[in-house]
Amino acid sequence: MNGATMGFLVWAVLGAIMIGFGIRALFMKTAIGFWANIRQFPVNDIKGYNRSTGILFMCYGIIFIVLGLPLLTGQNSPFILLSVLGVMLETIVMMAIYIMVITKKYRG
């Protein structure tokens, strides 16, 4: 197994962990926290909130894995920049969706 394949596998495992967080969120009975070390706001519909947040995490993980595909071309490939910039943009979009859509809809 060469280094490019190993790098992509590590990337894919991290994406799978995010997908796992999303699946776990779907089955939680209490509102899950999105931000670290911040008290969760009161939620008016816990099931809907967890479902929305879980889907957001799963989509993030899937897109994260797809953005890692340029790693298979090798470490010195110019396409690696797509992965780095893509993940930065994806993370910003994820936070914006959480704040502007999910928080507004489910704040109790």
N, C-alpha and C. Protein backbone atom coordinates (compact mmCIF):
# COMPACT_ATOMS: atom_id res chain seq x y z
N MET A 1 0.86 -1.17 0.00
CA MET A 1 0.00 0.00 0.00
C MET A 1 0.90 1.24 0.00
N ASN A 2 0.70 2.10 -0.97
CA ASN A 2 1.55 3.29 -1.05
C ASN A 2 1.03 4.40 -0.13
N GLY A 3 1.82 5.47 -0.03
CA GLY A 3 1.49 6.56 0.88
C GLY A 3 0.21 7.30 0.52
N ALA A 4 -0.05 7.43 -0.78
CA ALA A 4 -1.26 8.15 -1.20
C ALA A 4 -2.52 7.41 -0.77
N THR A 5 -2.50 6.09 -0.93
CA THR A 5 -3.65 5.29 -0.52
C THR A 5 -3.83 5.32 0.99
N MET A 6 -2.72 5.24 1.71
CA MET A 6 -2.79 5.28 3.17
C MET A 6 -3.32 6.63 3.66
N GLY A 7 -2.88 7.70 3.03
CA GLY A 7 -3.37 9.03 3.39
C GLY A 7 -4.87 9.17 3.15
N PHE A 8 -5.33 8.65 2.03
CA PHE A 8 -6.77 8.71 1.75
C PHE A 8 -7.56 7.86 2.74
N LEU A 9 -7.03 6.70 3.12
CA LEU A 9 -7.74 5.86 4.09
C LEU A 9 -7.89 6.55 5.44
N VAL A 10 -6.85 7.24 5.88
CA VAL A 10 -6.95 7.99 7.14
C VAL A 10 -7.98 9.10 6.98
N TRP A 11 -7.97 9.79 5.85
CA TRP A 11 -8.95 10.86 5.56
C TRP A 11 -10.36 10.28 5.59
N ALA A 12 -10.54 9.12 4.95
CA ALA A 12 -11.87 8.50 4.88
C ALA A 12 -12.35 8.04 6.25
N VAL A 13 -11.44 7.57 7.09
CA VAL A 13 -11.83 7.16 8.45
C VAL A 13 -12.33 8.37 9.22
N LEU A 14 -11.66 9.52 9.08
CA LEU A 14 -12.14 10.73 9.76
C LEU A 14 -13.52 11.15 9.25
N GLY A 15 -13.75 11.02 7.96
CA GLY A 15 -15.08 11.30 7.41
C GLY A 15 -16.12 10.32 7.94
N ALA A 16 -15.72 9.05 8.07
CA ALA A 16 -16.65 8.04 8.60
C ALA A 16 -16.98 8.32 10.06
N ILE A 17 -16.04 8.86 10.81
CA ILE A 17 -16.32 9.23 12.21
C ILE A 17 -17.38 10.33 12.25
N MET A 18 -17.28 11.30 11.35
CA MET A 18 -18.30 12.35 11.29
C MET A 18 -19.67 11.77 10.92
N ILE A 19 -19.68 10.83 10.01
CA ILE A 19 -20.93 10.17 9.65
C ILE A 19 -21.48 9.42 10.86
N GLY A 20 -20.60 8.79 11.62
CA GLY A 20 -21.00 8.09 12.84
C GLY A 20 -21.61 9.03 13.87
N PHE A 21 -21.02 10.24 14.01
CA PHE A 21 -21.60 11.25 14.90
C PHE A 21 -23.01 11.61 14.46
N GLY A 22 -23.21 11.71 13.15
CA GLY A 22 -24.54 12.04 12.61
C GLY A 22 -25.55 10.95 12.89
N ILE A 23 -25.13 9.70 12.70
CA ILE A 23 -26.04 8.58 12.98
C ILE A 23 -26.37 8.52 14.46
N ARG A 24 -25.37 8.76 15.31
CA ARG A 24 -25.60 8.77 16.75
C ARG A 24 -26.58 9.87 17.14
N ALA A 25 -26.47 11.02 16.48
CA ALA A 25 -27.36 12.14 16.79
C ALA A 25 -28.81 11.80 16.47
N LEU A 26 -29.05 10.98 15.45
CA LEU A 26 -30.42 10.62 15.08
C LEU A 26 -31.13 9.85 16.19
N PHE A 27 -30.37 9.13 17.02
CA PHE A 27 -30.97 8.27 18.04
C PHE A 27 -30.87 8.83 19.45
N MET A 28 -30.33 10.02 19.61
CA MET A 28 -30.20 10.61 20.94
C MET A 28 -31.56 11.08 21.45
N LYS A 29 -31.77 10.95 22.74
CA LYS A 29 -33.02 11.39 23.36
C LYS A 29 -32.92 12.82 23.89
N THR A 30 -31.69 13.30 24.10
CA THR A 30 -31.48 14.67 24.54
C THR A 30 -30.85 15.45 23.39
N ALA A 31 -30.99 16.76 23.42
CA ALA A 31 -30.44 17.60 22.35
C ALA A 31 -28.92 17.50 22.36
N ILE A 32 -28.36 17.23 21.19
CA ILE A 32 -26.91 17.12 21.10
C ILE A 32 -26.29 18.51 21.00
N GLY A 33 -25.08 18.64 21.47
CA GLY A 33 -24.37 19.90 21.39
C GLY A 33 -23.59 19.99 20.09
N PHE A 34 -23.61 21.14 19.48
CA PHE A 34 -22.87 21.36 18.24
C PHE A 34 -21.51 21.96 18.54
N TRP A 35 -21.48 22.95 19.43
CA TRP A 35 -20.24 23.63 19.78
C TRP A 35 -19.64 22.98 21.01
N ALA A 36 -18.34 22.94 21.08
CA ALA A 36 -17.65 22.39 22.25
C ALA A 36 -17.63 23.41 23.37
N ASN A 37 -17.82 22.93 24.59
CA ASN A 37 -17.72 23.74 25.81
C ASN A 37 -18.70 24.90 25.88
N ILE A 38 -19.82 24.77 25.22
CA ILE A 38 -20.86 25.80 25.29
C ILE A 38 -22.17 25.11 25.67
N ARG A 39 -22.87 25.69 26.62
CA ARG A 39 -24.13 25.11 27.07
C ARG A 39 -25.15 25.14 25.93
N GLN A 40 -25.84 24.04 25.76
CA GLN A 40 -26.84 23.90 24.70
C GLN A 40 -28.04 24.81 24.97
N PHE A 41 -28.51 25.51 23.96
CA PHE A 41 -29.69 26.36 24.12
C PHE A 41 -30.93 25.48 24.30
N PRO A 42 -32.00 26.01 24.89
CA PRO A 42 -33.22 25.22 25.04
C PRO A 42 -33.83 24.93 23.66
N VAL A 43 -34.15 23.67 23.43
CA VAL A 43 -34.66 23.22 22.14
C VAL A 43 -36.14 22.92 22.27
N ASN A 44 -36.95 23.41 21.31
CA ASN A 44 -38.39 23.20 21.38
C ASN A 44 -38.82 21.85 20.80
N ASP A 45 -38.06 21.28 19.87
CA ASP A 45 -38.37 19.98 19.27
C ASP A 45 -37.07 19.18 19.20
N ILE A 46 -36.81 18.39 20.23
CA ILE A 46 -35.53 17.68 20.34
C ILE A 46 -35.35 16.68 19.21
N LYS A 47 -36.39 15.94 18.87
CA LYS A 47 -36.27 14.94 17.81
C LYS A 47 -35.95 15.59 16.46
N GLY A 48 -36.64 16.66 16.13
CA GLY A 48 -36.38 17.37 14.88
C GLY A 48 -35.00 18.02 14.85
N TYR A 49 -34.61 18.59 16.00
CA TYR A 49 -33.29 19.22 16.10
C TYR A 49 -32.18 18.18 15.90
N ASN A 50 -32.29 17.06 16.59
CA ASN A 50 -31.27 16.02 16.46
C ASN A 50 -31.24 15.45 15.05
N ARG A 51 -32.40 15.32 14.43
CA ARG A 51 -32.45 14.82 13.05
C ARG A 51 -31.76 15.78 12.10
N SER A 52 -32.05 17.07 12.23
CA SER A 52 -31.42 18.07 11.37
C SER A 52 -29.92 18.14 11.58
N THR A 53 -29.49 18.12 12.82
CA THR A 53 -28.07 18.18 13.12
C THR A 53 -27.37 16.90 12.68
N GLY A 54 -28.02 15.76 12.85
CA GLY A 54 -27.45 14.50 12.41
C GLY A 54 -27.27 14.44 10.91
N ILE A 55 -28.26 14.91 10.18
CA ILE A 55 -28.15 14.95 8.71
C ILE A 55 -27.03 15.90 8.29
N LEU A 56 -26.90 17.02 9.00
CA LEU A 56 -25.82 17.96 8.71
C LEU A 56 -24.46 17.29 8.91
N PHE A 57 -24.29 16.56 10.00
CA PHE A 57 -23.03 15.85 10.26
C PHE A 57 -22.77 14.78 9.21
N MET A 58 -23.79 14.04 8.82
CA MET A 58 -23.60 12.98 7.83
C MET A 58 -23.23 13.57 6.46
N CYS A 59 -23.88 14.65 6.08
CA CYS A 59 -23.53 15.30 4.81
C CYS A 59 -22.10 15.83 4.85
N TYR A 60 -21.72 16.39 5.99
CA TYR A 60 -20.35 16.88 6.15
C TYR A 60 -19.35 15.74 5.96
N GLY A 61 -19.61 14.59 6.58
CA GLY A 61 -18.71 13.45 6.46
C GLY A 61 -18.61 12.93 5.03
N ILE A 62 -19.73 12.86 4.34
CA ILE A 62 -19.72 12.37 2.95
C ILE A 62 -18.95 13.32 2.05
N ILE A 63 -19.21 14.61 2.18
CA ILE A 63 -18.50 15.59 1.36
C ILE A 63 -17.01 15.61 1.72
N PHE A 64 -16.70 15.44 3.00
CA PHE A 64 -15.31 15.38 3.45
C PHE A 64 -14.56 14.24 2.76
N ILE A 65 -15.20 13.08 2.69
CA ILE A 65 -14.57 11.93 2.02
C ILE A 65 -14.37 12.22 0.53
N VAL A 66 -15.38 12.78 -0.10
CA VAL A 66 -15.27 13.10 -1.54
C VAL A 66 -14.15 14.12 -1.78
N LEU A 67 -14.02 15.10 -0.89
CA LEU A 67 -12.97 16.10 -1.05
C LEU A 67 -11.58 15.49 -0.83
N GLY A 68 -11.50 14.33 -0.22
CA GLY A 68 -10.22 13.67 -0.02
C GLY A 68 -9.75 12.86 -1.22
N LEU A 69 -10.58 12.69 -2.21
CA LEU A 69 -10.20 11.89 -3.39
C LEU A 69 -8.93 12.40 -4.09
N PRO A 70 -8.65 13.71 -4.15
CA PRO A 70 -7.39 14.14 -4.76
C PRO A 70 -6.14 13.60 -4.04
N LEU A 71 -6.28 13.14 -2.82
CA LEU A 71 -5.14 12.55 -2.13
C LEU A 71 -4.64 11.30 -2.83
N LEU A 72 -5.50 10.65 -3.58
CA LEU A 72 -5.10 9.43 -4.29
C LEU A 72 -4.15 9.73 -5.45
N THR A 73 -4.07 10.99 -5.87
CA THR A 73 -3.17 11.33 -6.98
C THR A 73 -1.74 11.52 -6.53
N GLY A 74 -1.49 11.56 -5.25
CA GLY A 74 -0.13 11.71 -4.73
C GLY A 74 0.00 12.97 -3.91
N GLN A 75 1.05 12.98 -3.09
CA GLN A 75 1.22 14.06 -2.15
C GLN A 75 1.61 15.38 -2.82
N ASN A 76 2.33 15.33 -3.91
CA ASN A 76 2.80 16.55 -4.56
C ASN A 76 1.88 17.01 -5.68
N SER A 77 0.69 16.49 -5.74
CA SER A 77 -0.26 16.87 -6.78
C SER A 77 -0.82 18.27 -6.50
N PRO A 78 -1.02 19.06 -7.54
CA PRO A 78 -1.62 20.38 -7.32
C PRO A 78 -3.10 20.30 -6.92
N PHE A 79 -3.71 19.13 -7.09
CA PHE A 79 -5.12 18.97 -6.73
C PHE A 79 -5.34 18.89 -5.22
N ILE A 80 -4.26 18.73 -4.45
CA ILE A 80 -4.39 18.69 -2.99
C ILE A 80 -4.97 20.01 -2.48
N LEU A 81 -4.68 21.09 -3.19
CA LEU A 81 -5.22 22.39 -2.81
C LEU A 81 -6.74 22.38 -2.82
N LEU A 82 -7.34 21.62 -3.74
CA LEU A 82 -8.80 21.49 -3.77
C LEU A 82 -9.32 20.88 -2.48
N SER A 83 -8.61 19.89 -1.95
CA SER A 83 -9.03 19.26 -0.71
C SER A 83 -8.99 20.25 0.45
N VAL A 84 -7.89 20.96 0.56
CA VAL A 84 -7.71 21.88 1.68
C VAL A 84 -8.73 23.01 1.62
N LEU A 85 -8.83 23.66 0.48
CA LEU A 85 -9.78 24.76 0.35
C LEU A 85 -11.23 24.28 0.43
N GLY A 86 -11.47 23.09 -0.10
CA GLY A 86 -12.82 22.53 -0.04
C GLY A 86 -13.28 22.26 1.38
N VAL A 87 -12.40 21.72 2.20
CA VAL A 87 -12.76 21.44 3.60
C VAL A 87 -12.96 22.73 4.37
N MET A 88 -12.12 23.74 4.10
CA MET A 88 -12.32 25.03 4.77
C MET A 88 -13.68 25.62 4.42
N LEU A 89 -14.01 25.61 3.14
CA LEU A 89 -15.30 26.14 2.70
C LEU A 89 -16.45 25.30 3.25
N GLU A 90 -16.29 23.99 3.23
CA GLU A 90 -17.34 23.10 3.74
C GLU A 90 -17.61 23.36 5.22
N THR A 91 -16.57 23.56 6.00
CA THR A 91 -16.73 23.81 7.43
C THR A 91 -17.44 25.14 7.68
N ILE A 92 -17.08 26.16 6.93
CA ILE A 92 -17.74 27.46 7.09
C ILE A 92 -19.21 27.36 6.72
N VAL A 93 -19.52 26.65 5.64
CA VAL A 93 -20.91 26.48 5.22
C VAL A 93 -21.69 25.68 6.26
N MET A 94 -21.06 24.66 6.84
CA MET A 94 -21.73 23.86 7.87
C MET A 94 -22.09 24.73 9.08
N MET A 95 -21.16 25.56 9.53
CA MET A 95 -21.44 26.44 10.67
C MET A 95 -22.54 27.44 10.33
N ALA A 96 -22.51 27.97 9.10
CA ALA A 96 -23.53 28.93 8.70
C ALA A 96 -24.91 28.28 8.65
N ILE A 97 -24.99 27.07 8.13
CA ILE A 97 -26.28 26.37 8.08
C ILE A 97 -26.78 26.12 9.50
N TYR A 98 -25.88 25.72 10.39
CA TYR A 98 -26.30 25.46 11.77
C TYR A 98 -26.84 26.73 12.42
N ILE A 99 -26.12 27.83 12.26
CA ILE A 99 -26.53 29.08 12.93
C ILE A 99 -27.77 29.68 12.29
N MET A 100 -27.79 29.76 10.96
CA MET A 100 -28.86 30.49 10.28
C MET A 100 -30.13 29.67 10.07
N VAL A 101 -30.03 28.34 10.05
CA VAL A 101 -31.21 27.53 9.78
C VAL A 101 -31.63 26.74 11.01
N ILE A 102 -30.76 25.87 11.49
CA ILE A 102 -31.14 24.94 12.56
C ILE A 102 -31.38 25.68 13.87
N THR A 103 -30.48 26.59 14.25
CA THR A 103 -30.65 27.31 15.52
C THR A 103 -31.92 28.16 15.51
N LYS A 104 -32.19 28.84 14.40
CA LYS A 104 -33.39 29.68 14.33
C LYS A 104 -34.67 28.85 14.40
N LYS A 105 -34.63 27.67 13.78
CA LYS A 105 -35.84 26.85 13.72
C LYS A 105 -36.15 26.17 15.05
N TYR A 106 -35.14 25.74 15.80
CA TYR A 106 -35.38 24.90 16.97
C TYR A 106 -35.09 25.57 18.30
N ARG A 107 -34.73 26.84 18.31
CA ARG A 107 -34.49 27.52 19.60
C ARG A 107 -35.83 27.68 20.34
N GLY A 108 -35.84 27.21 21.59
CA GLY A 108 -37.07 27.20 22.36
C GLY A 108 -37.33 28.45 23.13
